[in-house]
Each structure stands twice: as structure tokens, then as C-alpha cells.
N, C-alpha and C. Protein backbone atom coordinates (compact mmCIF):
# COMPACT_ATOMS: atom_id res chain seq x y z
N MET A 1 -31.02 40.68 -107.52
CA MET A 1 -32.26 40.15 -108.66
C MET A 1 -32.02 40.80 -110.04
N ALA A 2 -33.04 40.40 -111.10
CA ALA A 2 -32.16 41.14 -112.29
C ALA A 2 -33.29 42.18 -111.94
N SER A 3 -33.06 43.47 -112.77
CA SER A 3 -33.33 44.62 -112.86
C SER A 3 -34.63 44.42 -113.86
N GLY A 4 -34.89 45.82 -113.40
CA GLY A 4 -36.30 46.38 -115.16
C GLY A 4 -36.09 46.13 -116.32
N GLY A 5 -34.81 47.10 -116.37
CA GLY A 5 -34.73 46.91 -117.58
C GLY A 5 -33.99 45.51 -118.34
N ASP A 6 -33.45 45.06 -117.68
CA ASP A 6 -32.77 43.86 -118.51
C ASP A 6 -33.64 42.55 -118.12
N LEU A 7 -34.81 42.34 -117.12
CA LEU A 7 -35.72 41.53 -117.05
C LEU A 7 -37.00 42.19 -118.32
N THR A 8 -37.12 42.73 -118.52
CA THR A 8 -38.01 43.36 -119.20
C THR A 8 -37.38 42.96 -120.58
N LEU A 9 -36.07 43.17 -120.95
CA LEU A 9 -35.32 42.92 -122.36
C LEU A 9 -35.23 41.46 -122.57
N MET A 10 -35.06 40.76 -121.61
CA MET A 10 -34.97 39.55 -121.48
C MET A 10 -36.44 38.74 -121.98
N ILE A 11 -37.73 39.12 -120.96
CA ILE A 11 -38.87 38.23 -120.93
C ILE A 11 -38.61 38.49 -122.65
N LEU A 12 -39.14 39.87 -123.01
CA LEU A 12 -39.56 40.19 -124.67
C LEU A 12 -38.29 39.04 -125.86
N GLY A 13 -37.26 39.15 -124.79
CA GLY A 13 -36.74 38.22 -126.33
C GLY A 13 -36.50 37.10 -126.14
N PHE A 14 -37.36 36.34 -124.92
CA PHE A 14 -37.42 35.21 -124.93
C PHE A 14 -38.50 34.17 -125.56
N LEU A 15 -39.75 35.41 -125.75
CA LEU A 15 -40.78 35.33 -125.95
C LEU A 15 -41.27 35.62 -127.42
N ASN A 16 -40.15 36.54 -127.91
CA ASN A 16 -39.79 37.20 -129.49
C ASN A 16 -39.70 35.45 -130.18
N ARG A 17 -38.58 34.44 -129.52
CA ARG A 17 -38.80 33.25 -130.16
C ARG A 17 -39.95 32.28 -130.02
N ARG A 18 -40.45 32.15 -129.19
CA ARG A 18 -41.67 31.42 -129.48
C ARG A 18 -42.27 31.71 -127.71
N PRO A 19 -43.68 31.69 -128.05
CA PRO A 19 -44.98 31.67 -126.58
C PRO A 19 -43.66 30.85 -125.53
N MET A 20 -44.38 31.05 -124.06
CA MET A 20 -43.98 30.19 -123.09
C MET A 20 -44.84 30.46 -121.71
N HIS A 21 -45.20 29.38 -121.23
CA HIS A 21 -45.35 29.77 -119.90
C HIS A 21 -44.20 30.25 -119.09
N GLY A 22 -45.03 30.72 -117.65
CA GLY A 22 -43.73 31.72 -116.97
C GLY A 22 -43.12 30.66 -116.48
N TYR A 23 -43.69 29.31 -115.86
CA TYR A 23 -42.47 28.56 -115.40
C TYR A 23 -41.15 28.04 -116.48
N GLU A 24 -41.34 28.15 -117.78
CA GLU A 24 -40.33 27.73 -118.76
C GLU A 24 -39.94 29.14 -118.56
N LEU A 25 -39.99 30.40 -119.04
CA LEU A 25 -39.79 31.74 -119.37
C LEU A 25 -38.88 31.98 -117.72
N LYS A 26 -39.06 31.65 -116.60
CA LYS A 26 -38.38 31.82 -115.51
C LYS A 26 -37.41 30.63 -116.04
N SER A 27 -37.54 29.62 -116.15
CA SER A 27 -36.18 28.58 -116.38
C SER A 27 -34.85 29.24 -117.20
N ARG A 28 -35.47 29.88 -118.42
CA ARG A 28 -34.66 30.46 -119.22
C ARG A 28 -34.19 31.56 -118.67
N LEU A 29 -34.98 32.10 -118.03
CA LEU A 29 -34.05 33.88 -117.59
C LEU A 29 -32.70 33.31 -116.31
N THR A 30 -33.14 32.21 -115.70
CA THR A 30 -32.14 31.49 -114.51
C THR A 30 -31.33 31.09 -115.67
N ALA A 31 -31.54 30.64 -116.12
CA ALA A 31 -30.30 29.27 -117.29
C ALA A 31 -29.47 31.28 -117.73
N LEU A 32 -29.95 32.15 -117.79
CA LEU A 32 -29.02 33.24 -118.58
C LEU A 32 -28.50 33.95 -117.76
N SER A 33 -29.12 33.83 -116.56
CA SER A 33 -28.55 35.19 -115.36
C SER A 33 -28.56 35.09 -114.03
N GLY A 34 -29.77 33.97 -113.80
CA GLY A 34 -29.89 33.65 -112.45
C GLY A 34 -28.44 33.21 -111.83
N HIS A 35 -27.65 33.12 -112.11
CA HIS A 35 -26.63 32.57 -111.17
C HIS A 35 -25.55 34.16 -110.58
N LEU A 36 -25.94 35.11 -111.86
CA LEU A 36 -25.64 36.41 -110.72
C LEU A 36 -26.81 37.23 -110.41
N ARG A 37 -27.95 37.45 -111.17
CA ARG A 37 -29.13 37.67 -110.93
C ARG A 37 -30.02 37.97 -111.07
N PRO A 38 -30.46 36.08 -109.94
CA PRO A 38 -31.75 35.85 -109.73
C PRO A 38 -32.69 36.50 -110.06
N VAL A 39 -33.59 35.69 -110.54
CA VAL A 39 -35.21 36.32 -110.78
C VAL A 39 -36.32 35.85 -110.34
N SER A 40 -36.63 36.54 -108.80
CA SER A 40 -38.07 35.52 -108.21
C SER A 40 -39.51 35.89 -108.91
N ASP A 41 -39.83 35.19 -107.85
CA ASP A 41 -41.59 35.14 -108.96
C ASP A 41 -41.80 36.23 -108.43
N GLY A 42 -41.78 37.13 -107.70
CA GLY A 42 -42.05 38.50 -106.56
C GLY A 42 -41.92 39.64 -107.86
N ALA A 43 -40.41 39.08 -108.69
CA ALA A 43 -40.00 40.39 -109.42
C ALA A 43 -40.93 39.74 -111.14
N LEU A 44 -40.98 38.63 -111.22
CA LEU A 44 -41.01 38.00 -112.59
C LEU A 44 -42.46 38.73 -112.91
N TYR A 45 -43.43 38.14 -112.28
CA TYR A 45 -44.57 37.97 -112.55
C TYR A 45 -45.12 39.43 -112.41
N PRO A 46 -45.06 40.25 -111.50
CA PRO A 46 -45.24 41.71 -111.68
C PRO A 46 -45.03 42.18 -113.14
N ALA A 47 -43.39 41.64 -113.29
CA ALA A 47 -42.45 42.04 -114.79
C ALA A 47 -43.64 41.70 -115.63
N ILE A 48 -43.62 40.86 -115.58
CA ILE A 48 -44.98 40.56 -116.80
C ILE A 48 -46.18 40.91 -116.80
N ALA A 49 -46.89 41.24 -115.90
CA ALA A 49 -48.36 42.12 -115.14
C ALA A 49 -48.01 43.22 -116.03
N ARG A 50 -46.87 43.84 -115.69
CA ARG A 50 -46.39 45.47 -116.26
C ARG A 50 -46.56 45.08 -117.87
N LEU A 51 -46.14 44.33 -118.36
CA LEU A 51 -46.06 44.33 -120.28
C LEU A 51 -47.32 43.90 -120.63
N GLU A 52 -48.04 42.82 -120.04
CA GLU A 52 -49.33 42.70 -120.87
C GLU A 52 -49.90 44.09 -120.74
N ALA A 53 -49.93 44.26 -119.37
CA ALA A 53 -50.62 46.06 -119.59
C ALA A 53 -50.60 47.14 -120.74
N ARG A 54 -49.48 47.27 -121.06
CA ARG A 54 -48.33 47.98 -121.97
C ARG A 54 -48.83 47.56 -123.24
N GLY A 55 -49.29 46.27 -123.48
CA GLY A 55 -49.88 46.00 -124.43
C GLY A 55 -48.92 44.94 -125.10
N LEU A 56 -47.66 44.53 -124.42
CA LEU A 56 -46.38 44.43 -125.09
C LEU A 56 -46.62 42.41 -124.90
N LEU A 57 -47.28 42.37 -124.18
CA LEU A 57 -47.83 40.26 -124.54
C LEU A 57 -49.06 39.95 -124.09
N GLU A 58 -49.08 39.16 -124.42
CA GLU A 58 -50.42 38.54 -124.11
C GLU A 58 -50.26 37.22 -123.54
N ARG A 59 -51.24 36.77 -122.93
CA ARG A 59 -50.90 35.66 -122.05
C ARG A 59 -52.61 34.72 -122.83
N HIS A 60 -53.04 33.51 -123.02
CA HIS A 60 -54.03 32.40 -122.97
C HIS A 60 -53.71 31.20 -121.91
N GLU A 61 -54.91 30.60 -122.18
CA GLU A 61 -54.81 29.23 -121.09
C GLU A 61 -54.57 28.61 -122.42
N GLU A 62 -53.67 27.37 -121.71
CA GLU A 62 -53.61 25.74 -122.84
C GLU A 62 -53.87 24.93 -121.72
N GLU A 63 -54.28 23.79 -122.36
CA GLU A 63 -54.31 22.26 -121.46
C GLU A 63 -52.63 22.10 -120.67
N GLY A 64 -52.31 22.12 -119.79
CA GLY A 64 -51.31 21.53 -119.18
C GLY A 64 -51.25 20.74 -119.46
N ALA A 65 -49.71 19.85 -118.87
CA ALA A 65 -48.85 18.65 -119.23
C ALA A 65 -50.04 17.73 -117.79
N ALA A 66 -50.00 17.98 -117.06
CA ALA A 66 -51.21 17.30 -116.07
C ALA A 66 -53.08 17.59 -116.48
N ALA A 67 -53.17 17.80 -115.01
CA ALA A 67 -54.92 18.37 -115.42
C ALA A 67 -54.78 19.84 -115.66
N ALA A 68 -54.03 20.31 -114.56
CA ALA A 68 -53.95 22.07 -114.66
C ALA A 68 -53.97 22.51 -115.80
N ARG A 69 -54.24 23.78 -116.19
CA ARG A 69 -54.47 24.69 -117.46
C ARG A 69 -53.49 25.63 -116.99
N ARG A 70 -52.32 25.75 -118.07
CA ARG A 70 -51.11 26.61 -118.00
C ARG A 70 -51.33 28.02 -118.56
N GLN A 71 -50.99 29.30 -118.17
CA GLN A 71 -51.20 30.01 -118.73
C GLN A 71 -49.71 30.39 -119.66
N VAL A 72 -50.24 31.03 -121.25
CA VAL A 72 -49.14 31.08 -121.83
C VAL A 72 -48.81 32.28 -122.35
N LEU A 73 -47.81 32.94 -122.30
CA LEU A 73 -47.08 33.71 -122.81
C LEU A 73 -46.86 34.55 -124.16
N THR A 74 -47.55 35.26 -124.95
CA THR A 74 -46.88 35.41 -126.51
C THR A 74 -46.54 37.07 -126.51
N ILE A 75 -45.10 37.12 -127.08
CA ILE A 75 -45.10 38.92 -127.24
C ILE A 75 -46.64 39.34 -128.79
N THR A 76 -47.01 40.29 -128.72
CA THR A 76 -47.32 41.42 -129.40
C THR A 76 -46.36 42.06 -130.25
N ALA A 77 -46.82 42.03 -131.34
CA ALA A 77 -46.16 43.23 -132.59
C ALA A 77 -46.22 44.30 -131.58
N GLU A 78 -46.62 45.21 -131.02
CA GLU A 78 -46.00 46.02 -130.21
C GLU A 78 -44.46 45.60 -129.54
N GLY A 79 -44.59 44.46 -128.60
CA GLY A 79 -43.84 43.93 -127.99
C GLY A 79 -42.23 43.74 -128.82
N ARG A 80 -42.86 43.51 -129.98
CA ARG A 80 -41.34 42.61 -130.75
C ARG A 80 -40.70 44.45 -131.22
N GLU A 81 -41.91 45.43 -131.60
CA GLU A 81 -41.35 46.52 -132.11
C GLU A 81 -40.13 47.28 -130.51
N GLU A 82 -40.89 47.10 -129.36
CA GLU A 82 -40.04 47.49 -128.38
C GLU A 82 -38.69 46.38 -127.87
N LEU A 83 -38.89 45.19 -128.11
CA LEU A 83 -37.53 44.50 -128.32
C LEU A 83 -36.53 45.04 -129.20
N LEU A 84 -37.26 45.54 -130.37
CA LEU A 84 -36.21 46.28 -131.67
C LEU A 84 -36.00 47.03 -130.96
N ARG A 85 -36.50 48.17 -130.16
CA ARG A 85 -35.90 49.72 -130.28
C ARG A 85 -34.71 49.30 -129.25
N ARG A 86 -34.95 48.36 -127.64
CA ARG A 86 -33.77 48.36 -126.61
C ARG A 86 -32.43 48.00 -127.69
N LEU A 87 -33.11 46.89 -128.50
CA LEU A 87 -31.74 46.46 -129.02
C LEU A 87 -31.17 47.21 -130.01
N ARG A 88 -32.03 48.32 -130.56
CA ARG A 88 -31.38 49.37 -131.46
C ARG A 88 -30.59 50.20 -130.64
N GLU A 89 -31.49 50.42 -129.19
CA GLU A 89 -30.69 51.51 -128.39
C GLU A 89 -30.81 51.46 -126.95
N PRO A 90 -29.44 50.59 -126.97
CA PRO A 90 -29.81 49.96 -125.84
C PRO A 90 -29.14 51.04 -124.35
N SER A 91 -29.39 51.25 -123.25
CA SER A 91 -29.00 51.87 -122.32
C SER A 91 -27.00 52.03 -122.31
N GLU A 92 -26.73 53.27 -121.31
CA GLU A 92 -25.34 52.97 -121.11
C GLU A 92 -25.15 52.05 -120.18
N LEU A 93 -26.38 51.60 -119.30
CA LEU A 93 -25.68 50.67 -118.31
C LEU A 93 -25.99 49.10 -119.29
N ASP A 94 -26.83 49.31 -120.39
CA ASP A 94 -27.16 47.74 -121.14
C ASP A 94 -25.36 47.85 -121.32
N ILE A 95 -24.67 48.49 -122.19
CA ILE A 95 -23.31 48.39 -123.06
C ILE A 95 -22.18 48.75 -121.84
N SER A 96 -22.14 49.54 -120.74
CA SER A 96 -20.89 49.02 -119.63
C SER A 96 -21.31 47.92 -118.97
N ASP A 97 -22.72 46.93 -118.65
CA ASP A 97 -22.32 46.29 -116.92
C ASP A 97 -22.40 44.85 -118.23
N GLN A 98 -21.47 43.97 -117.64
CA GLN A 98 -21.18 42.41 -118.77
C GLN A 98 -22.47 41.99 -118.69
N THR A 99 -23.11 41.42 -117.09
CA THR A 99 -24.12 40.96 -117.39
C THR A 99 -25.53 41.24 -118.18
N ARG A 100 -25.70 42.75 -118.18
CA ARG A 100 -26.70 43.19 -119.20
C ARG A 100 -26.20 43.01 -120.52
N PHE A 101 -25.05 43.46 -121.07
CA PHE A 101 -24.99 43.49 -121.88
C PHE A 101 -24.52 41.77 -122.69
N PHE A 102 -24.28 40.42 -122.07
CA PHE A 102 -24.40 39.30 -122.42
C PHE A 102 -26.46 39.12 -122.16
N ALA A 103 -26.65 39.93 -121.75
CA ALA A 103 -28.64 39.74 -122.07
C ALA A 103 -28.74 40.24 -123.60
N LEU A 104 -28.31 41.06 -123.58
CA LEU A 104 -28.44 42.14 -125.07
C LEU A 104 -27.70 41.22 -125.97
N LEU A 105 -26.05 40.46 -125.61
CA LEU A 105 -26.38 39.74 -126.95
C LEU A 105 -26.81 39.01 -127.51
N THR A 106 -27.74 38.53 -126.37
CA THR A 106 -28.39 36.79 -126.49
C THR A 106 -29.37 37.27 -127.42
N PHE A 107 -30.01 38.32 -127.61
CA PHE A 107 -31.26 38.41 -128.43
C PHE A 107 -30.81 39.86 -130.03
N LEU A 108 -29.51 39.86 -129.51
CA LEU A 108 -29.34 40.57 -131.06
C LEU A 108 -29.16 40.19 -131.82
N SER A 109 -29.71 38.60 -132.66
CA SER A 109 -29.45 38.60 -133.80
C SER A 109 -30.93 38.85 -134.34
N ALA A 110 -31.77 39.27 -133.13
CA ALA A 110 -33.04 39.68 -133.65
C ALA A 110 -32.81 40.99 -134.85
N LEU A 111 -32.28 41.99 -134.27
CA LEU A 111 -31.85 42.93 -135.35
C LEU A 111 -31.17 42.28 -137.16
N GLU A 112 -32.10 42.48 -137.19
CA GLU A 112 -31.75 41.66 -138.95
C GLU A 112 -30.93 42.45 -139.54
N ASP A 113 -30.49 43.94 -139.44
CA ASP A 113 -29.82 44.84 -140.18
C ASP A 113 -28.34 44.51 -139.13
N PRO A 114 -27.10 44.18 -140.25
CA PRO A 114 -26.03 44.06 -139.85
C PRO A 114 -25.46 45.25 -138.75
N SER A 115 -25.47 46.38 -140.03
CA SER A 115 -25.20 47.78 -139.38
C SER A 115 -25.47 48.44 -137.95
N LEU A 116 -26.27 47.63 -137.80
CA LEU A 116 -27.55 48.09 -136.39
C LEU A 116 -26.40 46.96 -135.12
N GLN A 117 -26.48 45.86 -135.61
CA GLN A 117 -26.03 45.39 -134.97
C GLN A 117 -24.58 45.49 -134.53
N ALA A 118 -24.03 46.07 -135.91
CA ALA A 118 -22.08 46.40 -135.51
C ALA A 118 -22.53 47.87 -134.32
N GLY A 119 -23.24 48.58 -134.64
CA GLY A 119 -23.26 50.16 -133.63
C GLY A 119 -23.37 49.56 -132.39
N VAL A 120 -24.31 48.50 -132.13
CA VAL A 120 -24.47 48.09 -130.41
C VAL A 120 -23.06 47.63 -129.88
N LEU A 121 -22.35 46.53 -131.29
CA LEU A 121 -20.63 46.07 -130.65
C LEU A 121 -20.00 47.37 -130.43
N ARG A 122 -19.91 48.54 -131.56
CA ARG A 122 -18.69 49.45 -131.13
C ARG A 122 -19.29 50.12 -130.02
N ARG A 123 -20.16 50.18 -129.46
CA ARG A 123 -20.79 51.12 -128.42
C ARG A 123 -20.00 50.45 -127.43
N ARG A 124 -19.81 49.02 -127.27
CA ARG A 124 -19.22 47.89 -126.12
C ARG A 124 -17.78 48.51 -126.56
N LEU A 125 -17.14 48.38 -127.71
CA LEU A 125 -15.50 48.15 -127.66
C LEU A 125 -15.46 49.52 -127.02
N ASP A 126 -15.51 51.07 -127.63
CA ASP A 126 -15.58 52.12 -127.02
C ASP A 126 -15.77 52.06 -125.98
N PHE A 127 -16.63 51.53 -125.15
CA PHE A 127 -16.42 51.29 -123.83
C PHE A 127 -15.35 50.55 -123.17
N LEU A 128 -15.64 49.52 -123.44
CA LEU A 128 -13.54 48.76 -123.33
C LEU A 128 -13.23 49.06 -123.41
N GLU A 129 -12.43 50.19 -124.20
CA GLU A 129 -11.42 50.78 -125.08
C GLU A 129 -11.09 51.78 -123.84
N ALA A 130 -11.72 52.31 -123.23
CA ALA A 130 -11.76 53.53 -122.73
C ALA A 130 -10.64 52.90 -121.11
N PRO A 131 -9.71 53.70 -120.82
CA PRO A 131 -8.96 53.38 -119.28
C PRO A 131 -10.00 53.35 -117.90
N ALA A 132 -10.04 52.43 -117.44
CA ALA A 132 -10.57 52.60 -116.61
C ALA A 132 -10.10 51.18 -115.52
N SER A 133 -9.84 51.26 -114.24
CA SER A 133 -10.18 50.21 -112.73
C SER A 133 -10.64 49.98 -111.83
N PHE A 134 -10.22 49.25 -111.01
CA PHE A 134 -11.44 49.21 -109.96
C PHE A 134 -10.41 49.74 -108.47
N PHE A 135 -9.83 50.30 -109.02
CA PHE A 135 -8.85 51.31 -108.45
C PHE A 135 -7.80 51.89 -109.20
N TYR A 136 -7.56 53.02 -107.93
CA TYR A 136 -7.62 54.36 -108.55
C TYR A 136 -6.51 55.02 -107.38
N GLU A 137 -5.06 55.60 -108.08
CA GLU A 137 -4.77 56.78 -107.37
C GLU A 137 -4.82 58.38 -107.50
N GLY A 138 -5.63 58.89 -107.01
CA GLY A 138 -6.06 60.33 -107.66
C GLY A 138 -7.48 59.85 -108.73
N ASP A 139 -6.82 60.12 -109.77
CA ASP A 139 -8.05 60.42 -110.63
C ASP A 139 -7.40 59.15 -112.03
N ARG A 140 -6.16 59.02 -111.49
CA ARG A 140 -5.47 57.73 -112.70
C ARG A 140 -5.81 56.55 -112.16
N PRO A 141 -5.95 55.58 -113.07
CA PRO A 141 -6.64 53.71 -113.16
C PRO A 141 -5.21 53.18 -112.71
N LEU A 142 -5.23 52.69 -111.96
CA LEU A 142 -3.73 51.36 -111.27
C LEU A 142 -3.97 50.16 -112.24
N ARG A 143 -2.58 49.87 -112.69
CA ARG A 143 -3.19 48.64 -113.77
C ARG A 143 -1.86 47.34 -112.35
N ALA A 144 -2.68 46.50 -112.39
CA ALA A 144 -2.15 45.00 -111.62
C ALA A 144 -0.87 45.07 -110.82
N GLU A 145 -0.16 45.67 -112.10
CA GLU A 145 1.45 45.43 -111.59
C GLU A 145 1.81 46.53 -110.74
N GLU A 146 1.06 47.90 -110.41
CA GLU A 146 1.18 48.54 -109.38
C GLU A 146 0.28 48.46 -107.62
N VAL A 147 -0.52 47.35 -107.91
CA VAL A 147 -1.23 46.97 -106.57
C VAL A 147 -0.47 45.92 -105.90
N SER A 148 -0.64 46.37 -104.70
CA SER A 148 -0.01 45.33 -103.57
C SER A 148 -0.81 44.45 -103.22
N ASP A 149 -1.87 44.41 -103.11
CA ASP A 149 -2.75 43.53 -102.41
C ASP A 149 -3.04 42.67 -103.78
N PRO A 150 -2.92 41.37 -103.18
CA PRO A 150 -3.31 39.70 -104.24
C PRO A 150 -4.65 39.98 -104.53
N PHE A 151 -5.36 40.23 -103.55
CA PHE A 151 -6.96 40.08 -104.03
C PHE A 151 -6.97 41.21 -105.08
N HIS A 152 -6.55 42.32 -104.65
CA HIS A 152 -7.00 43.27 -105.53
C HIS A 152 -6.29 43.32 -107.52
N ARG A 153 -5.34 42.57 -106.80
CA ARG A 153 -3.81 42.16 -108.15
C ARG A 153 -4.91 41.21 -108.95
N GLY A 154 -5.66 40.39 -108.09
CA GLY A 154 -6.20 39.25 -108.89
C GLY A 154 -7.62 39.94 -109.33
N MET A 155 -8.18 40.23 -109.17
CA MET A 155 -9.38 41.29 -109.85
C MET A 155 -8.69 41.89 -111.09
N LEU A 156 -8.12 42.66 -111.20
CA LEU A 156 -7.11 43.16 -112.09
C LEU A 156 -6.84 42.67 -113.38
N LEU A 157 -5.91 41.00 -112.90
CA LEU A 157 -5.36 40.52 -113.62
C LEU A 157 -6.72 39.55 -114.93
N VAL A 158 -7.85 39.00 -113.90
CA VAL A 158 -8.81 38.41 -114.67
C VAL A 158 -9.75 39.64 -115.34
N ALA A 159 -9.98 40.63 -114.83
CA ALA A 159 -10.97 41.60 -115.53
C ALA A 159 -9.50 41.79 -116.99
N ARG A 160 -8.32 41.81 -117.37
CA ARG A 160 -7.62 42.53 -118.14
C ARG A 160 -7.79 40.97 -119.35
N ALA A 161 -7.54 39.99 -118.52
CA ALA A 161 -8.03 39.01 -119.45
C ALA A 161 -9.37 38.50 -120.07
N THR A 162 -10.14 39.27 -119.16
CA THR A 162 -11.86 38.73 -119.98
C THR A 162 -11.64 40.21 -121.25
N GLY A 163 -10.93 41.46 -120.75
CA GLY A 163 -11.27 42.58 -121.70
C GLY A 163 -10.64 42.33 -122.87
N THR A 164 -9.39 41.80 -122.81
CA THR A 164 -8.83 41.58 -124.17
C THR A 164 -9.82 40.10 -124.68
N ALA A 165 -10.16 39.41 -124.24
CA ALA A 165 -10.35 38.81 -124.46
C ALA A 165 -11.94 39.17 -125.72
N GLU A 166 -12.78 39.54 -125.07
CA GLU A 166 -13.24 40.21 -125.38
C GLU A 166 -13.70 41.22 -126.80
N ARG A 167 -12.51 42.32 -126.12
CA ARG A 167 -12.44 42.84 -127.30
C ARG A 167 -11.69 42.15 -128.49
N GLN A 168 -10.95 41.12 -128.14
CA GLN A 168 -10.65 40.39 -129.69
C GLN A 168 -11.63 39.94 -130.76
N TRP A 169 -13.35 39.49 -129.48
CA TRP A 169 -14.07 38.94 -130.33
C TRP A 169 -14.56 40.17 -130.88
N LEU A 170 -15.05 41.56 -130.22
CA LEU A 170 -15.48 42.54 -130.79
C LEU A 170 -15.13 42.45 -132.13
N LYS A 171 -13.66 43.14 -132.36
CA LYS A 171 -13.30 43.51 -133.64
C LYS A 171 -13.08 42.22 -134.23
N GLU A 172 -13.10 41.05 -134.06
CA GLU A 172 -13.20 40.08 -135.39
C GLU A 172 -15.14 39.76 -135.92
N THR A 173 -15.60 40.22 -134.75
CA THR A 173 -17.03 40.16 -135.49
C THR A 173 -17.46 41.62 -136.00
N LEU A 174 -17.13 42.66 -135.76
CA LEU A 174 -17.07 44.04 -136.26
C LEU A 174 -16.93 43.65 -137.74
N ALA A 175 -15.60 43.07 -137.71
CA ALA A 175 -15.03 42.94 -139.30
C ALA A 175 -15.58 42.01 -139.85
N GLU A 176 -16.73 40.84 -139.72
CA GLU A 176 -17.25 40.09 -139.94
C GLU A 176 -18.74 40.67 -140.58
N LEU A 177 -19.26 41.27 -139.79
CA LEU A 177 -20.28 42.51 -140.06
C LEU A 177 -19.96 43.08 -140.86
N SER A 178 -19.06 43.81 -141.66
CA SER A 178 -18.89 44.54 -141.97
C SER A 178 -18.46 44.37 -144.01
N ARG A 179 -17.99 43.07 -143.45
CA ARG A 179 -18.23 41.94 -144.87
C ARG A 179 -19.10 41.41 -144.82
N GLY A 180 -20.14 41.43 -144.29
CA GLY A 180 -22.05 40.69 -144.70
C GLY A 180 -21.73 39.33 -144.32
N ARG A 181 -20.93 39.02 -143.43
CA ARG A 181 -21.16 37.54 -143.24
C ARG A 181 -22.03 37.62 -141.30
N GLY A 182 -22.57 38.62 -141.33
CA GLY A 182 -23.22 38.82 -140.13
C GLY A 182 -23.97 37.59 -139.32
N ALA A 183 -24.47 37.66 -137.66
CA ALA A 183 -24.92 37.02 -137.30
C ALA A 183 -25.98 35.89 -137.55
């Protein structure tokens, strides 16, 4: 299930684009991260209620496609400020967890200042460039070539390939942002 931090970010991010009813919002959340972290009604609707209680979103009724009226959610000015704060100052988990980072990337263009966008990308690049592994010998991270278990080796090879591709994209995007050709 999506955790509170990234669920809040995703709710505010999608509503920042346009008002939505709960079912549509859940569909967008599922499309973004549901295959990895499903969003249940038991998590989504209490999160919406908490955001509404904090004044970060509002709901109003509209005519539905059929006879039933539906609740439409709209981000407030305070909600937009909270979204922008979360984008400017992502938590360490938002930077280190790939699914949470992808959620952050989904809405990063809401930060209109390329230097703020670049700051977030630099943090991710710094994280990816630190030596790490899923497996260690003492305190030393093991490389794929040092692991005999084919499944462990596979994990390390896939992580290396995706990490290499992501670092390349980050460096290219940071160069574009520094040249003023941002998102």
C-alpha cells in the first residue's frame, strides 16, 4: 500500500493538475504506483479526509454521469503550498526509494524554478553515486561479479543497469536545467 508521505504527495499532485472525483483520483494513483504499492479505499479515503481537515483540499458535489451525484476534490491554495514544499524539500525516503522518487518526478514540473528542480535531481544523483549493494561482505558492498548465487547476481546486474541509465538521465537533465532548457 502507498505510504502516507507519497500518498499525500500524489493526491496533492494530481489535484494540482485539475479537480477530480475520488474514483478518478484512485485510478490515477493506481496507474502511477499501484502495481508496486496498491492504494486501497481504506487508505485513500481517510487520507483525503485528513487533507480536507487540514484545509489542503476541498470537496463539493457535482452531477454524476448517471443519476448519482459525486464528490469532486479540489486542491486549495494551502494544498498547493504544501505540494510545492514537499517538492522543494523531499524527505530522504522520497530521494532513496525509487517508487517514491518516481512519484516526486511525476509532479516536479510544478516547481517552476529550474534551480529548485535541479536541487532535487542532484540529491538523487548523490544518493545513486554512493557505493551500495543488496549484499555485503562485512561493510564492503559486493559487486555482481563477486556473487555466486545467480539470483543475487541478477538483482545486482539489473540494479546496476537501471542505476547507470538513471544516472545518465539525471546528468543530462541537470545539464539542460543549467542551460535554462528546463522541464
